[in-house]
Amino acid sequence: MNPRKLHIGGAQARAGWEVLDVRTAAHVQHVGDALDLARFADGTFAEIYASHVLEHFDYVQALPRALAEWHRVLAPGGVLRLSVPDIDILAHLLLQRHVLDVNQRFQVMRMIFGGQTHDHDHHRVGLNQDFMAAYLSRAGFVNLQRVSRHGLFADTSETVVLGTPISLNILAHKAPLSPVSPAAAPAAQACGAAPEVTA
């Protein structure tokens, strides 16, 4: 049997991936909220992919809860491929009045706050590498690595504005069962020291 892989919030089908989304669609195998994966046993998936999902959760309770659930359903040694809008990049772009006209800057603003076209399209938190490292570390993830792209799906993780990718793309791991494996290194190692993010 092939290892199971979960695409959270996926907008397209891809062989080998199961899609979980809050809305029903032909390509969605699991309709439900990414905050509650009780339908899946611990260690069900070898890989999880989520692009532009976490910014829709509040940073006090929902975001930590989502990451804890994703960590739980990952198998030991499993991989989380994560993409979020990088608030540092978007804030910089928003201030480029000499380069972007008002309509272009309005589109950047929408990337910060969400398109707001439906109930699930509101952004509740701005995330950057430091903030994300702190949340991931607290959820138990290790060996964080920033990557230029995941290359799995043509989705918002690859959005570019003025030649600049606007997403923070991260690989994170669930430590394997063996304590001597390199994957058990501290989470902040590759992404820099994680700050203590508190509500």
C-alpha atoms as a PDB file:
ATOM      1  CA  MET A   1       0.000   0.000   0.000  1.00  0.00           C
ATOM      2  CA  ASN A   2       1.291   3.471  -0.920  1.00  0.00           C
ATOM      3  CA  PRO A   3       1.805   5.954   1.924  1.00  0.00           C
ATOM      4  CA  ARG A   4      -1.215   8.227   2.347  1.00  0.00           C
ATOM      5  CA  LYS A   5      -0.843  11.933   1.604  1.00  0.00           C
ATOM      6  CA  LEU A   6      -3.295  14.665   2.620  1.00  0.00           C
ATOM      7  CA  HIS A   7      -3.825  17.935   0.739  1.00  0.00           C
ATOM      8  CA  ILE A   8      -5.588  20.376   3.052  1.00  0.00           C
ATOM      9  CA  GLY A   9      -7.658  22.973   1.208  1.00  0.00           C
ATOM     10  CA  GLY A  10      -6.705  21.556  -2.167  1.00  0.00           C
ATOM     11  CA  ALA A  11      -8.359  23.061  -5.235  1.00  0.00           C
ATOM     12  CA  GLN A  12      -7.338  20.316  -7.653  1.00  0.00           C
ATOM     13  CA  ALA A  13      -7.046  16.555  -7.821  1.00  0.00           C
ATOM     14  CA  ARG A  14      -3.671  14.843  -8.049  1.00  0.00           C
ATOM     15  CA  ALA A  15      -2.933  11.130  -8.070  1.00  0.00           C
ATOM     16  CA  GLY A  16      -1.838   9.852  -4.674  1.00  0.00           C
ATOM     17  CA  TRP A  17      -3.269  12.790  -2.710  1.00  0.00           C
ATOM     18  CA  GLU A  18      -6.471  12.881  -0.664  1.00  0.00           C
ATOM     19  CA  VAL A  19      -8.115  16.315  -0.438  1.00  0.00           C
ATOM     20  CA  LEU A  20      -9.703  17.726   2.713  1.00  0.00           C
ATOM     21  CA  ASP A  21     -11.743  20.905   2.357  1.00  0.00           C
ATOM     22  CA  VAL A  22     -14.585  22.661   4.152  1.00  0.00           C
ATOM     23  CA  ARG A  23     -16.577  22.817   0.931  1.00  0.00           C
ATOM     24  CA  THR A  24     -17.908  19.937  -1.140  1.00  0.00           C
ATOM     25  CA  ALA A  25     -16.437  19.455  -4.611  1.00  0.00           C
ATOM     26  CA  ALA A  26     -15.825  16.608  -7.038  1.00  0.00           C
ATOM     27  CA  HIS A  27     -12.111  16.446  -6.167  1.00  0.00           C
ATOM     28  CA  VAL A  28     -12.681  16.509  -2.365  1.00  0.00           C
ATOM     29  CA  GLN A  29     -12.599  13.134  -0.599  1.00  0.00           C
ATOM     30  CA  HIS A  30     -12.942  14.489   2.958  1.00  0.00           C
ATOM     31  CA  VAL A  31     -15.321  17.361   3.700  1.00  0.00           C
ATOM     32  CA  GLY A  32     -14.462  18.963   7.013  1.00  0.00           C
ATOM     33  CA  ASP A  33     -12.545  21.525   8.994  1.00  0.00           C
ATOM     34  CA  ALA A  34      -8.743  21.375   9.131  1.00  0.00           C
ATOM     35  CA  LEU A  35      -8.977  22.141  12.858  1.00  0.00           C
ATOM     36  CA  ASP A  36     -10.541  18.770  13.623  1.00  0.00           C
ATOM     37  CA  LEU A  37      -9.051  15.672  12.004  1.00  0.00           C
ATOM     38  CA  ALA A  38     -10.637  13.258  14.482  1.00  0.00           C
ATOM     39  CA  ARG A  39     -11.698  11.051  11.554  1.00  0.00           C
ATOM     40  CA  PHE A  40      -8.014  10.166  11.083  1.00  0.00           C
ATOM     41  CA  ALA A  41      -5.990   8.055  13.504  1.00  0.00           C
ATOM     42  CA  ASP A  42      -2.620   9.180  14.845  1.00  0.00           C
ATOM     43  CA  GLY A  43       0.137   8.788  12.275  1.00  0.00           C
ATOM     44  CA  THR A  44      -2.183   8.239   9.300  1.00  0.00           C
ATOM     45  CA  PHE A  45      -0.308  10.302   6.712  1.00  0.00           C
ATOM     46  CA  ALA A  46       3.278  10.281   5.476  1.00  0.00           C
ATOM     47  CA  GLU A  47       2.873  13.774   4.041  1.00  0.00           C
ATOM     48  CA  ILE A  48       0.605  16.793   4.441  1.00  0.00           C
ATOM     49  CA  TYR A  49       0.435  19.740   2.063  1.00  0.00           C
ATOM     50  CA  ALA A  50      -1.378  22.993   2.897  1.00  0.00           C
ATOM     51  CA  SER A  51      -1.097  26.145   0.817  1.00  0.00           C
ATOM     52  CA  HIS A  52      -2.583  29.413   2.093  1.00  0.00           C
ATOM     53  CA  VAL A  53      -4.699  27.778   4.781  1.00  0.00           C
ATOM     54  CA  LEU A  54      -3.233  28.759   8.159  1.00  0.00           C
ATOM     55  CA  GLU A  55      -3.730  32.500   7.704  1.00  0.00           C
ATOM     56  CA  HIS A  56      -7.498  31.873   7.863  1.00  0.00           C
ATOM     57  CA  PHE A  57      -7.237  30.788  11.516  1.00  0.00           C
ATOM     58  CA  ASP A  58      -6.999  33.063  14.529  1.00  0.00           C
ATOM     59  CA  TYR A  59      -3.515  33.082  16.048  1.00  0.00           C
ATOM     60  CA  VAL A  60      -4.659  32.580  19.662  1.00  0.00           C
ATOM     61  CA  GLN A  61      -6.462  29.211  19.549  1.00  0.00           C
ATOM     62  CA  ALA A  62      -7.216  27.969  16.023  1.00  0.00           C
ATOM     63  CA  LEU A  63      -3.728  28.197  14.505  1.00  0.00           C
ATOM     64  CA  PRO A  64      -1.997  26.253  17.317  1.00  0.00           C
ATOM     65  CA  ARG A  65      -4.860  23.726  17.335  1.00  0.00           C
ATOM     66  CA  ALA A  66      -4.603  23.156  13.570  1.00  0.00           C
ATOM     67  CA  LEU A  67      -0.854  22.552  13.716  1.00  0.00           C
ATOM     68  CA  ALA A  68      -1.250  20.196  16.677  1.00  0.00           C
ATOM     69  CA  GLU A  69      -3.816  18.169  14.719  1.00  0.00           C
ATOM     70  CA  TRP A  70      -1.637  18.071  11.610  1.00  0.00           C
ATOM     71  CA  HIS A  71       1.317  16.912  13.713  1.00  0.00           C
ATOM     72  CA  ARG A  72      -0.830  14.211  15.326  1.00  0.00           C
ATOM     73  CA  VAL A  73      -1.996  12.675  12.045  1.00  0.00           C
ATOM     74  CA  LEU A  74       1.488  12.691  10.526  1.00  0.00           C
ATOM     75  CA  ALA A  75       3.445   9.472  10.818  1.00  0.00           C
ATOM     76  CA  PRO A  76       6.801   9.616  12.649  1.00  0.00           C
ATOM     77  CA  GLY A  77       9.298  11.031  10.167  1.00  0.00           C
ATOM     78  CA  GLY A  78       6.433  12.485   8.106  1.00  0.00           C
ATOM     79  CA  VAL A  79       6.690  15.740   6.154  1.00  0.00           C
ATOM     80  CA  LEU A  80       4.550  18.880   6.331  1.00  0.00           C
ATOM     81  CA  ARG A  81       4.753  21.070   3.215  1.00  0.00           C
ATOM     82  CA  LEU A  82       3.375  24.447   4.157  1.00  0.00           C
ATOM     83  CA  SER A  83       2.792  27.739   2.363  1.00  0.00           C
ATOM     84  CA  VAL A  84       1.436  30.999   3.791  1.00  0.00           C
ATOM     85  CA  PRO A  85       1.430  34.592   2.521  1.00  0.00           C
ATOM     86  CA  ASP A  86       4.619  36.198   3.862  1.00  0.00           C
ATOM     87  CA  ILE A  87       3.510  39.350   5.697  1.00  0.00           C
ATOM     88  CA  ASP A  88       7.041  40.795   5.498  1.00  0.00           C
ATOM     89  CA  ILE A  89       7.069  40.621   1.702  1.00  0.00           C
ATOM     90  CA  LEU A  90       3.496  41.862   1.329  1.00  0.00           C
ATOM     91  CA  ALA A  91       4.053  44.805   3.696  1.00  0.00           C
ATOM     92  CA  HIS A  92       7.126  45.791   1.684  1.00  0.00           C
ATOM     93  CA  LEU A  93       5.185  45.594  -1.590  1.00  0.00           C
ATOM     94  CA  LEU A  94       2.306  47.637  -0.181  1.00  0.00           C
ATOM     95  CA  LEU A  95       4.696  50.537   0.437  1.00  0.00           C
ATOM     96  CA  GLN A  96       6.064  50.585  -3.135  1.00  0.00           C
ATOM     97  CA  ARG A  97       4.072  53.637  -4.246  1.00  0.00           C
ATOM     98  CA  HIS A  98       6.756  54.586  -6.774  1.00  0.00           C
ATOM     99  CA  VAL A  99       6.400  51.171  -8.478  1.00  0.00           C
ATOM    100  CA  LEU A 100       2.820  50.005  -7.913  1.00  0.00           C
ATOM    101  CA  ASP A 101      -0.264  52.030  -8.739  1.00  0.00           C
ATOM    102  CA  VAL A 102      -3.234  52.198  -6.382  1.00  0.00           C
ATOM    103  CA  ASN A 103      -5.007  49.237  -8.003  1.00  0.00           C
ATOM    104  CA  GLN A 104      -1.917  47.037  -7.738  1.00  0.00           C
ATOM    105  CA  ARG A 105      -1.429  48.009  -4.093  1.00  0.00           C
ATOM    106  CA  PHE A 106      -5.101  47.250  -3.463  1.00  0.00           C
ATOM    107  CA  GLN A 107      -4.497  43.725  -4.796  1.00  0.00           C
ATOM    108  CA  VAL A 108      -1.548  43.376  -2.406  1.00  0.00           C
ATOM    109  CA  MET A 109      -3.821  44.522   0.425  1.00  0.00           C
ATOM    110  CA  ARG A 110      -6.284  41.761  -0.570  1.00  0.00           C
ATOM    111  CA  MET A 111      -3.472  39.229  -0.289  1.00  0.00           C
ATOM    112  CA  ILE A 112      -2.906  40.409   3.289  1.00  0.00           C
ATOM    113  CA  PHE A 113      -6.556  40.372   4.392  1.00  0.00           C
ATOM    114  CA  GLY A 114      -7.995  37.730   2.052  1.00  0.00           C
ATOM    115  CA  GLY A 115     -10.242  38.024  -0.963  1.00  0.00           C
ATOM    116  CA  GLN A 116     -13.338  38.031   1.294  1.00  0.00           C
ATOM    117  CA  THR A 117     -15.456  36.514  -1.466  1.00  0.00           C
ATOM    118  CA  HIS A 118     -16.973  33.920   0.894  1.00  0.00           C
ATOM    119  CA  ASP A 119     -17.023  33.026   4.595  1.00  0.00           C
ATOM    120  CA  HIS A 120     -13.756  31.079   4.466  1.00  0.00           C
ATOM    121  CA  ASP A 121     -11.791  33.771   2.587  1.00  0.00           C
ATOM    122  CA  HIS A 122     -10.826  36.072   5.454  1.00  0.00           C
ATOM    123  CA  HIS A 123      -7.256  36.208   6.757  1.00  0.00           C
ATOM    124  CA  ARG A 124      -6.986  36.426  10.536  1.00  0.00           C
ATOM    125  CA  VAL A 125      -3.210  36.492  11.016  1.00  0.00           C
ATOM    126  CA  GLY A 126      -0.099  37.745   9.244  1.00  0.00           C
ATOM    127  CA  LEU A 127       2.738  35.241   9.235  1.00  0.00           C
ATOM    128  CA  ASN A 128       6.440  35.480   8.509  1.00  0.00           C
ATOM    129  CA  GLN A 129       9.347  33.083   8.935  1.00  0.00           C
ATOM    130  CA  ASP A 130       9.956  33.907  12.607  1.00  0.00           C
ATOM    131  CA  PHE A 131       6.308  33.637  13.608  1.00  0.00           C
ATOM    132  CA  MET A 132       5.825  30.420  11.645  1.00  0.00           C
ATOM    133  CA  ALA A 133       8.936  28.850  13.179  1.00  0.00           C
ATOM    134  CA  ALA A 134       7.604  29.583  16.656  1.00  0.00           C
ATOM    135  CA  TYR A 135       4.189  28.064  15.991  1.00  0.00           C
ATOM    136  CA  LEU A 136       5.631  24.991  14.269  1.00  0.00           C
ATOM    137  CA  SER A 137       8.187  24.403  16.999  1.00  0.00           C
ATOM    138  CA  ARG A 138       5.531  24.634  19.698  1.00  0.00           C
ATOM    139  CA  ALA A 139       3.420  22.071  17.803  1.00  0.00           C
ATOM    140  CA  GLY A 140       6.346  19.630  17.855  1.00  0.00           C
ATOM    141  CA  PHE A 141       7.685  19.968  14.320  1.00  0.00           C
ATOM    142  CA  VAL A 142      11.432  19.725  13.710  1.00  0.00           C
ATOM    143  CA  ASN A 143      13.940  20.452  10.955  1.00  0.00           C
ATOM    144  CA  LEU A 144      12.206  23.461   9.448  1.00  0.00           C
ATOM    145  CA  GLN A 145      13.536  24.529   6.074  1.00  0.00           C
ATOM    146  CA  ARG A 146      12.479  27.449   3.898  1.00  0.00           C
ATOM    147  CA  VAL A 147      12.253  26.486   0.231  1.00  0.00           C
ATOM    148  CA  SER A 148      11.676  28.594  -2.869  1.00  0.00           C
ATOM    149  CA  ARG A 149       8.782  26.410  -4.031  1.00  0.00           C
ATOM    150  CA  HIS A 150       7.120  23.081  -3.376  1.00  0.00           C
ATOM    151  CA  GLY A 151       6.451  22.360  -7.041  1.00  0.00           C
ATOM    152  CA  LEU A 152       3.528  20.003  -6.395  1.00  0.00           C
ATOM    153  CA  PHE A 153       0.517  22.087  -7.408  1.00  0.00           C
ATOM    154  CA  ALA A 154      -0.091  25.215  -9.473  1.00  0.00           C
ATOM    155  CA  ASP A 155      -1.586  27.169  -6.584  1.00  0.00           C
ATOM    156  CA  THR A 156      -1.201  30.286  -4.441  1.00  0.00           C
ATOM    157  CA  SER A 157       2.157  29.078  -3.126  1.00  0.00           C
ATOM    158  CA  GLU A 158       3.591  30.152  -6.494  1.00  0.00           C
ATOM    159  CA  THR A 159       1.954  33.601  -6.717  1.00  0.00           C
ATOM    160  CA  VAL A 160       4.433  36.272  -7.867  1.00  0.00           C
ATOM    161  CA  VAL A 161       4.076  40.076  -7.661  1.00  0.00           C
ATOM    162  CA  LEU A 162       6.638  42.247  -9.487  1.00  0.00           C
ATOM    163  CA  GLY A 163       8.840  39.211  -9.894  1.00  0.00           C
ATOM    164  CA  THR A 164       8.733  38.528  -6.152  1.00  0.00           C
ATOM    165  CA  PRO A 165       7.175  35.316  -4.768  1.00  0.00           C
ATOM    166  CA  ILE A 166       4.800  36.419  -1.999  1.00  0.00           C
ATOM    167  CA  SER A 167       4.629  33.097  -0.132  1.00  0.00           C
ATOM    168  CA  LEU A 168       6.636  31.666   2.712  1.00  0.00           C
ATOM    169  CA  ASN A 169       7.158  28.017   1.727  1.00  0.00           C
ATOM    170  CA  ILE A 170       8.374  25.697   4.486  1.00  0.00           C
ATOM    171  CA  LEU A 171       9.194  22.030   4.902  1.00  0.00           C
ATOM    172  CA  ALA A 172       8.773  20.728   8.452  1.00  0.00           C
ATOM    173  CA  HIS A 173       9.027  17.215   9.858  1.00  0.00           C
ATOM    174  CA  LYS A 174       7.579  15.105  12.602  1.00  0.00           C
ATOM    175  CA  ALA A 175      10.476  13.521  14.454  1.00  0.00           C
ATOM    176  CA  PRO A 176      10.960   9.827  13.756  1.00  0.00           C
ATOM    177  CA  LEU A 177      10.665   7.254  16.513  1.00  0.00           C
ATOM    178  CA  SER A 178      14.455   6.867  16.714  1.00  0.00           C
ATOM    179  CA  PRO A 179      15.969   9.610  18.928  1.00  0.00           C
ATOM    180  CA  VAL A 180      19.323   9.322  17.113  1.00  0.00           C
ATOM    181  CA  SER A 181      17.979  10.372  13.729  1.00  0.00           C
ATOM    182  CA  PRO A 182      19.091  13.778  12.330  1.00  0.00           C
ATOM    183  CA  ALA A 183      15.411  14.676  11.904  1.00  0.00           C
ATOM    184  CA  ALA A 184      15.165  15.099  15.667  1.00  0.00           C
ATOM    185  CA  ALA A 185      17.236  18.312  15.529  1.00  0.00           C
ATOM    186  CA  PRO A 186      15.602  21.468  16.962  1.00  0.00           C
ATOM    187  CA  ALA A 187      12.944  23.026  14.763  1.00  0.00           C
ATOM    188  CA  ALA A 188      14.489  26.494  14.741  1.00  0.00           C
ATOM    189  CA  GLN A 189      17.802  25.248  13.339  1.00  0.00           C
ATOM    190  CA  ALA A 190      17.173  25.992   9.657  1.00  0.00           C
ATOM    191  CA  CYS A 191      14.696  28.871   9.981  1.00  0.00           C
ATOM    192  CA  GLY A 192      16.527  30.877  12.640  1.00  0.00           C
ATOM    193  CA  ALA A 193      15.718  31.219  16.310  1.00  0.00           C
ATOM    194  CA  ALA A 194      11.990  31.174  16.939  1.00  0.00           C
ATOM    195  CA  PRO A 195      10.605  34.004  19.086  1.00  0.00           C
ATOM    196  CA  GLU A 196       8.211  33.352  21.921  1.00  0.00           C
ATOM    197  CA  VAL A 197       4.918  34.247  20.254  1.00  0.00           C
ATOM    198  CA  THR A 198       2.183  34.750  22.833  1.00  0.00           C
ATOM    199  CA  ALA A 199      -1.406  35.912  22.576  1.00  0.00           C
END
